[in-house]
N, C-alpha and C. Protein backbone atom coordinates (compact mmCIF):
# COMPACT_ATOMS: atom_id res chain seq x y z
N ALA A 1 -5.51 27.68 -31.37
CA ALA A 1 -4.85 27.12 -30.19
C ALA A 1 -5.66 25.95 -29.64
N LYS A 2 -7.01 26.06 -29.71
CA LYS A 2 -7.84 24.98 -29.19
C LYS A 2 -7.62 23.68 -29.95
N ALA A 3 -7.47 23.77 -31.26
CA ALA A 3 -7.27 22.57 -32.07
C ALA A 3 -5.96 21.88 -31.69
N ALA A 4 -4.93 22.67 -31.43
CA ALA A 4 -3.64 22.10 -31.04
C ALA A 4 -3.76 21.38 -29.70
N LYS A 5 -4.50 21.98 -28.76
CA LYS A 5 -4.68 21.35 -27.45
C LYS A 5 -5.43 20.04 -27.56
N ALA A 6 -6.48 20.03 -28.36
CA ALA A 6 -7.28 18.81 -28.53
C ALA A 6 -6.41 17.71 -29.14
N LYS A 7 -5.55 18.08 -30.08
CA LYS A 7 -4.69 17.09 -30.73
C LYS A 7 -3.68 16.52 -29.72
N ASP A 8 -3.19 17.38 -28.80
CA ASP A 8 -2.19 16.95 -27.82
C ASP A 8 -2.79 16.15 -26.67
N ALA A 9 -4.10 16.31 -26.47
CA ALA A 9 -4.75 15.63 -25.35
C ALA A 9 -4.63 14.11 -25.54
N VAL A 10 -4.34 13.44 -24.46
CA VAL A 10 -4.19 11.97 -24.50
C VAL A 10 -5.41 11.38 -23.80
N SER A 11 -6.15 10.56 -24.50
CA SER A 11 -7.37 9.98 -23.92
C SER A 11 -7.00 8.91 -22.90
N LEU A 12 -7.98 8.60 -22.05
CA LEU A 12 -7.77 7.54 -21.06
C LEU A 12 -7.51 6.21 -21.76
N LEU A 13 -8.15 6.01 -22.92
CA LEU A 13 -7.93 4.78 -23.68
C LEU A 13 -6.47 4.70 -24.14
N GLU A 14 -5.95 5.82 -24.65
CA GLU A 14 -4.54 5.85 -25.07
C GLU A 14 -3.61 5.60 -23.88
N GLN A 15 -3.96 6.17 -22.73
CA GLN A 15 -3.14 5.95 -21.53
C GLN A 15 -3.14 4.47 -21.15
N GLU A 16 -4.31 3.84 -21.26
CA GLU A 16 -4.41 2.42 -20.95
C GLU A 16 -3.58 1.60 -21.94
N GLN A 17 -3.63 1.97 -23.22
CA GLN A 17 -2.84 1.26 -24.23
C GLN A 17 -1.34 1.42 -23.95
N ARG A 18 -0.94 2.61 -23.53
CA ARG A 18 0.48 2.83 -23.15
C ARG A 18 0.87 1.91 -22.00
N ALA A 19 -0.01 1.83 -20.99
CA ALA A 19 0.25 0.99 -19.81
C ALA A 19 0.41 -0.46 -20.23
N ARG A 20 -0.52 -0.95 -21.05
CA ARG A 20 -0.49 -2.35 -21.50
C ARG A 20 0.79 -2.61 -22.30
N LYS A 21 1.14 -1.70 -23.22
CA LYS A 21 2.35 -1.87 -24.04
C LYS A 21 3.60 -1.89 -23.15
N PHE A 22 3.65 -0.98 -22.17
CA PHE A 22 4.79 -0.93 -21.25
C PHE A 22 4.95 -2.28 -20.55
N LEU A 23 3.85 -2.81 -20.01
CA LEU A 23 3.90 -4.09 -19.30
C LEU A 23 4.32 -5.22 -20.23
N GLU A 24 3.73 -5.25 -21.43
CA GLU A 24 4.08 -6.30 -22.38
C GLU A 24 5.57 -6.25 -22.74
N ASP A 25 6.10 -5.02 -22.91
CA ASP A 25 7.53 -4.86 -23.23
C ASP A 25 8.42 -5.34 -22.08
N VAL A 26 8.04 -5.00 -20.85
CA VAL A 26 8.81 -5.42 -19.67
C VAL A 26 8.83 -6.95 -19.57
N PHE A 27 7.65 -7.56 -19.71
CA PHE A 27 7.58 -9.02 -19.58
C PHE A 27 8.31 -9.71 -20.73
N ALA A 28 8.25 -9.12 -21.93
CA ALA A 28 8.98 -9.69 -23.08
C ALA A 28 10.48 -9.62 -22.81
N ALA A 29 10.95 -8.49 -22.29
CA ALA A 29 12.38 -8.33 -21.99
C ALA A 29 12.83 -9.32 -20.92
N MET A 30 11.93 -9.63 -19.97
CA MET A 30 12.25 -10.58 -18.91
C MET A 30 12.02 -12.02 -19.34
N LYS A 31 11.47 -12.18 -20.55
CA LYS A 31 11.14 -13.52 -21.07
C LYS A 31 10.18 -14.26 -20.13
N ILE A 32 9.16 -13.50 -19.68
CA ILE A 32 8.13 -14.08 -18.80
C ILE A 32 6.81 -14.03 -19.57
N GLU A 33 6.16 -15.18 -19.66
CA GLU A 33 4.85 -15.23 -20.32
C GLU A 33 3.76 -14.98 -19.30
N VAL A 34 2.96 -13.94 -19.57
CA VAL A 34 1.86 -13.61 -18.67
C VAL A 34 0.61 -13.32 -19.48
N GLU A 35 -0.50 -13.36 -18.76
CA GLU A 35 -1.77 -12.92 -19.34
C GLU A 35 -2.26 -11.76 -18.49
N LEU A 36 -2.69 -10.68 -19.14
CA LEU A 36 -3.19 -9.51 -18.42
C LEU A 36 -4.72 -9.50 -18.48
N GLN A 37 -5.36 -9.62 -17.31
CA GLN A 37 -6.81 -9.53 -17.23
C GLN A 37 -7.15 -8.12 -16.78
N ARG A 38 -7.90 -7.40 -17.58
CA ARG A 38 -8.23 -6.01 -17.27
C ARG A 38 -9.61 -5.91 -16.61
N SER A 39 -9.69 -5.08 -15.58
CA SER A 39 -11.00 -4.77 -15.00
C SER A 39 -10.97 -3.31 -14.54
N GLU A 40 -12.15 -2.76 -14.30
CA GLU A 40 -12.23 -1.36 -13.87
C GLU A 40 -12.39 -1.30 -12.37
N THR A 41 -11.80 -0.27 -11.77
CA THR A 41 -11.91 -0.04 -10.32
C THR A 41 -12.47 1.36 -10.11
N GLU A 42 -12.74 1.70 -8.86
CA GLU A 42 -13.23 3.05 -8.56
C GLU A 42 -12.20 4.10 -8.97
N GLU A 43 -10.91 3.77 -8.82
CA GLU A 43 -9.85 4.74 -9.10
C GLU A 43 -9.41 4.74 -10.56
N GLY A 44 -9.56 3.63 -11.27
CA GLY A 44 -9.06 3.55 -12.64
C GLY A 44 -9.21 2.15 -13.18
N ILE A 45 -8.07 1.53 -13.52
CA ILE A 45 -8.13 0.15 -14.02
C ILE A 45 -7.16 -0.74 -13.25
N LEU A 46 -7.47 -2.02 -13.28
CA LEU A 46 -6.63 -3.02 -12.62
C LEU A 46 -6.22 -4.04 -13.66
N PHE A 47 -4.93 -4.32 -13.72
CA PHE A 47 -4.43 -5.43 -14.53
C PHE A 47 -4.08 -6.56 -13.57
N GLN A 48 -4.82 -7.66 -13.67
CA GLN A 48 -4.52 -8.87 -12.91
C GLN A 48 -3.53 -9.66 -13.78
N ILE A 49 -2.34 -9.91 -13.26
CA ILE A 49 -1.30 -10.58 -14.03
C ILE A 49 -1.30 -12.05 -13.67
N GLU A 50 -1.44 -12.90 -14.69
CA GLU A 50 -1.49 -14.34 -14.43
C GLU A 50 -0.43 -15.05 -15.25
N GLY A 51 0.13 -16.08 -14.67
CA GLY A 51 1.16 -16.86 -15.35
C GLY A 51 1.82 -17.82 -14.39
N GLU A 52 2.96 -18.38 -14.81
CA GLU A 52 3.69 -19.36 -13.99
C GLU A 52 4.82 -18.68 -13.21
N SER A 53 5.04 -19.08 -11.99
CA SER A 53 6.18 -18.64 -11.18
C SER A 53 6.39 -17.13 -11.21
N LEU A 54 5.39 -16.39 -10.76
CA LEU A 54 5.46 -14.92 -10.83
C LEU A 54 5.92 -14.28 -9.53
N GLY A 55 6.39 -15.11 -8.58
CA GLY A 55 6.87 -14.58 -7.30
C GLY A 55 7.94 -13.52 -7.49
N ILE A 56 8.76 -13.67 -8.52
CA ILE A 56 9.83 -12.70 -8.78
C ILE A 56 9.26 -11.31 -9.08
N LEU A 57 8.05 -11.28 -9.63
CA LEU A 57 7.41 -9.99 -9.93
C LEU A 57 6.75 -9.37 -8.70
N ILE A 58 6.53 -10.17 -7.66
CA ILE A 58 5.92 -9.65 -6.44
C ILE A 58 7.01 -9.05 -5.55
N GLY A 59 8.08 -9.80 -5.33
CA GLY A 59 9.17 -9.32 -4.48
C GLY A 59 8.80 -9.37 -3.02
N LYS A 60 9.73 -8.99 -2.16
CA LYS A 60 9.51 -9.02 -0.71
C LYS A 60 8.40 -8.03 -0.34
N HIS A 61 7.35 -8.55 0.28
CA HIS A 61 6.20 -7.74 0.70
C HIS A 61 5.64 -6.90 -0.43
N GLY A 62 5.73 -7.39 -1.67
CA GLY A 62 5.13 -6.69 -2.79
C GLY A 62 5.91 -5.49 -3.31
N GLN A 63 7.16 -5.35 -2.88
CA GLN A 63 7.94 -4.17 -3.28
C GLN A 63 8.17 -4.12 -4.78
N THR A 64 8.45 -5.26 -5.40
CA THR A 64 8.69 -5.28 -6.85
C THR A 64 7.40 -4.96 -7.59
N LEU A 65 6.30 -5.52 -7.12
CA LEU A 65 4.99 -5.26 -7.72
C LEU A 65 4.64 -3.77 -7.61
N ASP A 66 4.90 -3.17 -6.44
CA ASP A 66 4.64 -1.74 -6.25
C ASP A 66 5.49 -0.90 -7.19
N ALA A 67 6.76 -1.28 -7.37
CA ALA A 67 7.66 -0.53 -8.26
C ALA A 67 7.19 -0.65 -9.70
N LEU A 68 6.77 -1.85 -10.10
CA LEU A 68 6.28 -2.07 -11.45
C LEU A 68 4.99 -1.26 -11.69
N GLN A 69 4.14 -1.21 -10.68
CA GLN A 69 2.90 -0.42 -10.77
C GLN A 69 3.24 1.06 -10.93
N TYR A 70 4.20 1.54 -10.15
CA TYR A 70 4.62 2.95 -10.22
C TYR A 70 5.13 3.29 -11.62
N LEU A 71 6.00 2.43 -12.15
CA LEU A 71 6.57 2.66 -13.49
C LEU A 71 5.50 2.59 -14.57
N THR A 72 4.53 1.68 -14.41
CA THR A 72 3.44 1.56 -15.38
C THR A 72 2.61 2.85 -15.40
N ASN A 73 2.36 3.42 -14.22
CA ASN A 73 1.62 4.68 -14.15
C ASN A 73 2.40 5.82 -14.79
N LEU A 74 3.73 5.84 -14.59
CA LEU A 74 4.56 6.86 -15.24
C LEU A 74 4.46 6.73 -16.76
N ALA A 75 4.56 5.50 -17.26
CA ALA A 75 4.49 5.27 -18.70
C ALA A 75 3.13 5.66 -19.26
N ALA A 76 2.07 5.31 -18.55
CA ALA A 76 0.71 5.59 -19.02
C ALA A 76 0.43 7.09 -19.06
N ASN A 77 0.95 7.82 -18.10
CA ASN A 77 0.60 9.23 -17.93
C ASN A 77 1.69 10.21 -18.34
N ARG A 78 2.70 9.73 -19.05
CA ARG A 78 3.81 10.60 -19.46
C ARG A 78 3.28 11.74 -20.33
N GLY A 79 3.58 12.97 -19.93
CA GLY A 79 3.18 14.14 -20.72
C GLY A 79 1.70 14.46 -20.66
N VAL A 80 0.95 13.80 -19.78
CA VAL A 80 -0.50 14.04 -19.69
C VAL A 80 -0.75 15.21 -18.75
N ALA A 81 -1.41 16.24 -19.29
CA ALA A 81 -1.72 17.41 -18.47
C ALA A 81 -3.10 17.26 -17.83
N GLY A 82 -4.01 16.61 -18.53
CA GLY A 82 -5.39 16.49 -18.05
C GLY A 82 -5.59 15.34 -17.10
N GLU A 83 -6.69 14.63 -17.31
CA GLU A 83 -7.05 13.51 -16.44
C GLU A 83 -6.04 12.38 -16.57
N ARG A 84 -5.55 11.92 -15.44
CA ARG A 84 -4.54 10.86 -15.43
C ARG A 84 -5.22 9.53 -15.10
N LEU A 85 -4.77 8.50 -15.77
CA LEU A 85 -5.29 7.16 -15.52
C LEU A 85 -4.55 6.55 -14.34
N HIS A 86 -5.29 5.96 -13.39
CA HIS A 86 -4.65 5.27 -12.27
C HIS A 86 -4.67 3.77 -12.58
N VAL A 87 -3.47 3.21 -12.72
CA VAL A 87 -3.35 1.79 -13.05
C VAL A 87 -2.91 1.03 -11.80
N GLN A 88 -3.64 -0.01 -11.45
CA GLN A 88 -3.25 -0.89 -10.36
C GLN A 88 -2.84 -2.23 -10.96
N LEU A 89 -1.84 -2.85 -10.33
CA LEU A 89 -1.41 -4.17 -10.76
C LEU A 89 -1.59 -5.14 -9.60
N ASP A 90 -1.98 -6.36 -9.93
CA ASP A 90 -2.04 -7.41 -8.93
C ASP A 90 -1.59 -8.71 -9.60
N ILE A 91 -1.03 -9.58 -8.81
CA ILE A 91 -0.56 -10.85 -9.35
C ILE A 91 -1.25 -11.97 -8.59
N GLU A 92 -2.10 -12.70 -9.30
CA GLU A 92 -2.78 -13.87 -8.75
C GLU A 92 -3.36 -13.62 -7.35
N GLY A 93 -4.02 -12.47 -7.18
CA GLY A 93 -4.69 -12.15 -5.91
C GLY A 93 -3.75 -11.82 -4.76
N TYR A 94 -2.50 -11.48 -5.06
CA TYR A 94 -1.52 -11.21 -4.00
C TYR A 94 -1.99 -10.10 -3.06
N ARG A 95 -2.51 -9.01 -3.61
CA ARG A 95 -2.85 -7.85 -2.76
C ARG A 95 -3.91 -8.18 -1.72
N ALA A 96 -4.91 -8.97 -2.09
CA ALA A 96 -5.95 -9.36 -1.14
C ALA A 96 -5.36 -10.26 -0.05
N ARG A 97 -4.48 -11.19 -0.44
CA ARG A 97 -3.82 -12.06 0.55
C ARG A 97 -2.96 -11.24 1.50
N ARG A 98 -2.23 -10.27 0.96
CA ARG A 98 -1.35 -9.43 1.79
C ARG A 98 -2.20 -8.61 2.77
N GLU A 99 -3.32 -8.09 2.31
CA GLU A 99 -4.20 -7.30 3.18
C GLU A 99 -4.71 -8.17 4.33
N GLU A 100 -5.08 -9.41 4.02
CA GLU A 100 -5.55 -10.35 5.04
C GLU A 100 -4.44 -10.62 6.06
N THR A 101 -3.22 -10.84 5.58
CA THR A 101 -2.06 -11.10 6.44
C THR A 101 -1.81 -9.90 7.35
N LEU A 102 -1.84 -8.70 6.79
CA LEU A 102 -1.57 -7.49 7.59
C LEU A 102 -2.66 -7.26 8.62
N THR A 103 -3.91 -7.55 8.27
CA THR A 103 -5.02 -7.38 9.20
C THR A 103 -4.87 -8.34 10.38
N ARG A 104 -4.51 -9.60 10.07
CA ARG A 104 -4.26 -10.59 11.14
C ARG A 104 -3.09 -10.16 12.02
N LEU A 105 -2.01 -9.71 11.37
CA LEU A 105 -0.81 -9.24 12.09
C LEU A 105 -1.18 -8.10 13.03
N ALA A 106 -1.98 -7.16 12.55
CA ALA A 106 -2.39 -6.02 13.37
C ALA A 106 -3.10 -6.50 14.64
N GLY A 107 -4.00 -7.47 14.48
CA GLY A 107 -4.74 -8.01 15.63
C GLY A 107 -3.81 -8.68 16.63
N HIS A 108 -2.89 -9.51 16.14
CA HIS A 108 -1.95 -10.20 17.03
C HIS A 108 -1.06 -9.20 17.77
N LEU A 109 -0.55 -8.20 17.04
CA LEU A 109 0.37 -7.23 17.66
C LEU A 109 -0.37 -6.31 18.64
N ALA A 110 -1.64 -6.03 18.38
CA ALA A 110 -2.43 -5.22 19.31
C ALA A 110 -2.59 -5.99 20.64
N GLU A 111 -2.86 -7.30 20.53
CA GLU A 111 -2.97 -8.13 21.74
C GLU A 111 -1.64 -8.15 22.50
N LYS A 112 -0.55 -8.28 21.75
CA LYS A 112 0.77 -8.32 22.38
C LYS A 112 1.08 -6.99 23.07
N ALA A 113 0.76 -5.87 22.42
CA ALA A 113 1.02 -4.56 23.01
C ALA A 113 0.29 -4.42 24.35
N CYS A 114 -0.95 -4.91 24.40
CA CYS A 114 -1.72 -4.86 25.65
C CYS A 114 -1.13 -5.79 26.70
N ARG A 115 -0.72 -6.98 26.26
CA ARG A 115 -0.17 -7.98 27.17
C ARG A 115 1.12 -7.47 27.83
N ILE A 116 2.02 -6.89 27.03
CA ILE A 116 3.30 -6.44 27.59
C ILE A 116 3.25 -4.98 28.07
N GLY A 117 2.15 -4.29 27.75
CA GLY A 117 1.98 -2.91 28.21
C GLY A 117 2.98 -1.94 27.59
N GLN A 118 3.41 -2.21 26.36
CA GLN A 118 4.37 -1.33 25.70
C GLN A 118 3.97 -1.10 24.25
N GLU A 119 4.49 0.01 23.70
CA GLU A 119 4.28 0.29 22.27
C GLU A 119 4.98 -0.78 21.45
N ILE A 120 4.40 -1.07 20.30
CA ILE A 120 5.06 -1.97 19.35
C ILE A 120 5.28 -1.21 18.05
N HIS A 121 6.52 -1.23 17.59
CA HIS A 121 6.89 -0.56 16.35
C HIS A 121 6.98 -1.61 15.25
N LEU A 122 6.19 -1.46 14.19
CA LEU A 122 6.22 -2.41 13.08
C LEU A 122 7.37 -2.06 12.14
N GLU A 123 7.65 -2.97 11.22
CA GLU A 123 8.70 -2.70 10.23
C GLU A 123 8.20 -1.61 9.27
N PRO A 124 9.10 -0.92 8.60
CA PRO A 124 8.67 0.10 7.64
C PRO A 124 7.77 -0.50 6.55
N MET A 125 6.76 0.26 6.16
CA MET A 125 5.80 -0.18 5.15
C MET A 125 5.45 0.98 4.25
N ASN A 126 4.91 0.65 3.07
CA ASN A 126 4.44 1.72 2.20
C ASN A 126 3.12 2.28 2.74
N ARG A 127 2.70 3.40 2.17
CA ARG A 127 1.51 4.12 2.64
C ARG A 127 0.27 3.22 2.64
N HIS A 128 0.10 2.44 1.59
CA HIS A 128 -1.08 1.57 1.47
C HIS A 128 -1.11 0.52 2.59
N GLU A 129 0.04 -0.08 2.87
CA GLU A 129 0.08 -1.12 3.91
C GLU A 129 -0.10 -0.53 5.30
N ARG A 130 0.46 0.68 5.54
CA ARG A 130 0.25 1.33 6.84
C ARG A 130 -1.24 1.62 7.04
N LYS A 131 -1.91 2.03 5.98
CA LYS A 131 -3.34 2.33 6.05
C LYS A 131 -4.13 1.08 6.44
N ILE A 132 -3.73 -0.07 5.91
CA ILE A 132 -4.42 -1.33 6.25
C ILE A 132 -4.31 -1.60 7.75
N ILE A 133 -3.12 -1.39 8.33
CA ILE A 133 -2.93 -1.60 9.77
C ILE A 133 -3.80 -0.62 10.57
N HIS A 134 -3.74 0.67 10.20
CA HIS A 134 -4.55 1.68 10.90
C HIS A 134 -6.04 1.32 10.83
N MET A 135 -6.52 0.94 9.65
CA MET A 135 -7.94 0.62 9.47
C MET A 135 -8.33 -0.61 10.29
N ALA A 136 -7.44 -1.60 10.35
CA ALA A 136 -7.74 -2.83 11.09
C ALA A 136 -7.94 -2.55 12.58
N LEU A 137 -7.25 -1.53 13.09
CA LEU A 137 -7.29 -1.25 14.54
C LEU A 137 -8.06 0.02 14.90
N GLN A 138 -8.66 0.69 13.92
CA GLN A 138 -9.28 1.99 14.19
C GLN A 138 -10.42 1.95 15.21
N ASP A 139 -11.13 0.82 15.27
CA ASP A 139 -12.26 0.74 16.20
C ASP A 139 -11.89 0.10 17.53
N SER A 140 -10.61 -0.20 17.73
CA SER A 140 -10.18 -0.86 18.96
C SER A 140 -10.27 0.09 20.16
N ARG A 141 -10.80 -0.43 21.27
CA ARG A 141 -10.82 0.37 22.50
C ARG A 141 -9.54 0.13 23.30
N LYS A 142 -8.78 -0.91 22.90
CA LYS A 142 -7.59 -1.29 23.67
C LYS A 142 -6.31 -0.63 23.18
N VAL A 143 -6.24 -0.30 21.87
CA VAL A 143 -5.02 0.29 21.32
C VAL A 143 -5.34 1.46 20.41
N SER A 144 -4.33 2.31 20.20
CA SER A 144 -4.40 3.33 19.16
C SER A 144 -3.16 3.16 18.29
N THR A 145 -3.17 3.78 17.12
CA THR A 145 -2.02 3.66 16.21
C THR A 145 -1.65 5.03 15.68
N TYR A 146 -0.39 5.15 15.30
CA TYR A 146 0.06 6.32 14.55
C TYR A 146 1.26 5.91 13.72
N SER A 147 1.56 6.73 12.71
CA SER A 147 2.73 6.46 11.87
C SER A 147 3.87 7.36 12.32
N ALA A 148 5.09 6.84 12.24
CA ALA A 148 6.28 7.60 12.64
C ALA A 148 7.39 7.36 11.62
N GLY A 149 8.43 8.16 11.71
CA GLY A 149 9.56 7.99 10.80
C GLY A 149 9.34 8.75 9.51
N ASP A 150 10.34 8.74 8.66
CA ASP A 150 10.29 9.45 7.39
C ASP A 150 10.32 8.45 6.24
N GLU A 151 9.61 8.79 5.15
CA GLU A 151 9.64 7.94 3.95
C GLU A 151 11.09 7.77 3.53
N PRO A 152 11.50 6.64 3.02
CA PRO A 152 10.68 5.43 2.80
C PRO A 152 10.68 4.50 4.01
N ARG A 153 11.11 4.97 5.18
CA ARG A 153 11.22 4.12 6.37
C ARG A 153 10.12 4.45 7.38
N ARG A 154 8.95 4.90 6.90
CA ARG A 154 7.83 5.19 7.80
C ARG A 154 7.22 3.88 8.29
N TYR A 155 6.79 3.88 9.53
CA TYR A 155 6.28 2.64 10.13
C TYR A 155 5.11 2.97 11.06
N VAL A 156 4.38 1.94 11.43
CA VAL A 156 3.22 2.09 12.32
C VAL A 156 3.64 1.75 13.75
N VAL A 157 3.11 2.52 14.70
CA VAL A 157 3.31 2.25 16.12
C VAL A 157 1.94 1.91 16.71
N ILE A 158 1.88 0.79 17.43
CA ILE A 158 0.65 0.38 18.11
C ILE A 158 0.84 0.67 19.60
N VAL A 159 -0.08 1.47 20.15
CA VAL A 159 0.04 1.93 21.54
C VAL A 159 -1.12 1.37 22.37
N PRO A 160 -0.78 0.63 23.45
CA PRO A 160 -1.87 0.16 24.33
C PRO A 160 -2.46 1.35 25.09
N ARG A 161 -3.78 1.46 25.13
CA ARG A 161 -4.42 2.62 25.78
C ARG A 161 -4.30 2.58 27.30
N ARG A 162 -4.42 1.37 27.88
CA ARG A 162 -4.40 1.27 29.35
C ARG A 162 -3.09 1.71 29.96
N ARG A 163 -2.00 1.45 29.26
CA ARG A 163 -0.67 1.77 29.78
C ARG A 163 -0.57 3.25 30.13
N ARG A 164 -1.15 4.09 29.30
CA ARG A 164 -1.07 5.54 29.53
C ARG A 164 -1.72 5.90 30.86
N ARG A 165 -2.89 5.31 31.13
CA ARG A 165 -3.58 5.61 32.39
C ARG A 165 -2.76 5.12 33.57
N ALA A 166 -2.21 3.92 33.46
CA ALA A 166 -1.41 3.35 34.55
C ALA A 166 -0.21 4.26 34.83
N GLU A 167 0.44 4.74 33.75
CA GLU A 167 1.60 5.62 33.94
C GLU A 167 1.19 6.93 34.60
N SER A 168 0.07 7.53 34.13
CA SER A 168 -0.33 8.82 34.70
C SER A 168 -0.78 8.65 36.15
N ASN A 169 -1.41 7.51 36.49
CA ASN A 169 -1.80 7.25 37.88
C ASN A 169 -0.55 7.13 38.75
N ARG A 170 0.46 6.41 38.24
CA ARG A 170 1.70 6.24 39.00
C ARG A 170 2.37 7.60 39.20
N ARG A 171 2.39 8.41 38.13
CA ARG A 171 3.02 9.73 38.22
C ARG A 171 2.30 10.60 39.25
N SER A 172 0.96 10.56 39.26
CA SER A 172 0.22 11.41 40.21
C SER A 172 0.47 10.91 41.64
N ARG A 173 0.61 9.58 41.86
CA ARG A 173 0.91 9.07 43.19
C ARG A 173 2.31 9.53 43.61
N GLU A 174 3.26 9.48 42.64
CA GLU A 174 4.62 9.92 42.97
C GLU A 174 4.62 11.39 43.35
N ASN A 175 3.84 12.20 42.65
CA ASN A 175 3.78 13.64 42.94
C ASN A 175 3.15 13.90 44.31
N GLU A 176 2.16 13.07 44.70
CA GLU A 176 1.54 13.23 46.01
C GLU A 176 2.54 12.93 47.12
N ASP A 177 3.45 11.99 46.89
CA ASP A 177 4.45 11.61 47.88
C ASP A 177 5.43 12.74 48.13
N ASN A 178 5.65 13.61 47.13
CA ASN A 178 6.69 14.66 47.27
C ASN A 178 6.18 15.84 48.04
């Protein structure tokens, strides 16, 4: 039985080869010429995709890229019982630019929430992007954040901290009047 298990085991190298072949087949079917630059990450491997006019592969807010990454992981890990390879995809540094954009957005919206004294609800985002917003504001003394809604329409809410005190002070004054 042990020999059969060893034969069925899929190595991380084989999983990576499956991922690369899947991507090459997808790009060939789309008639898009790309170059895949491979590097290792803490979680697994990263394929940096380079080529001409690859915006179509990124999609709105990276949705197409995320879907392609998801499918690549399915292809790489199909039938794998043991250690699974985590494959990340990026296109011409898109993910770093998006993280920078979201971090800036978080700062601007936190200021706005304080200025208007109201919660701000962001558009729905994937788990990774929501985490970027939470991390950008985690040390803020002026706002707090939480996620609300159900997948795939989960979103971040930015709450000004001062507003809560002002409301509770007003409520206690109203109660004293009664």
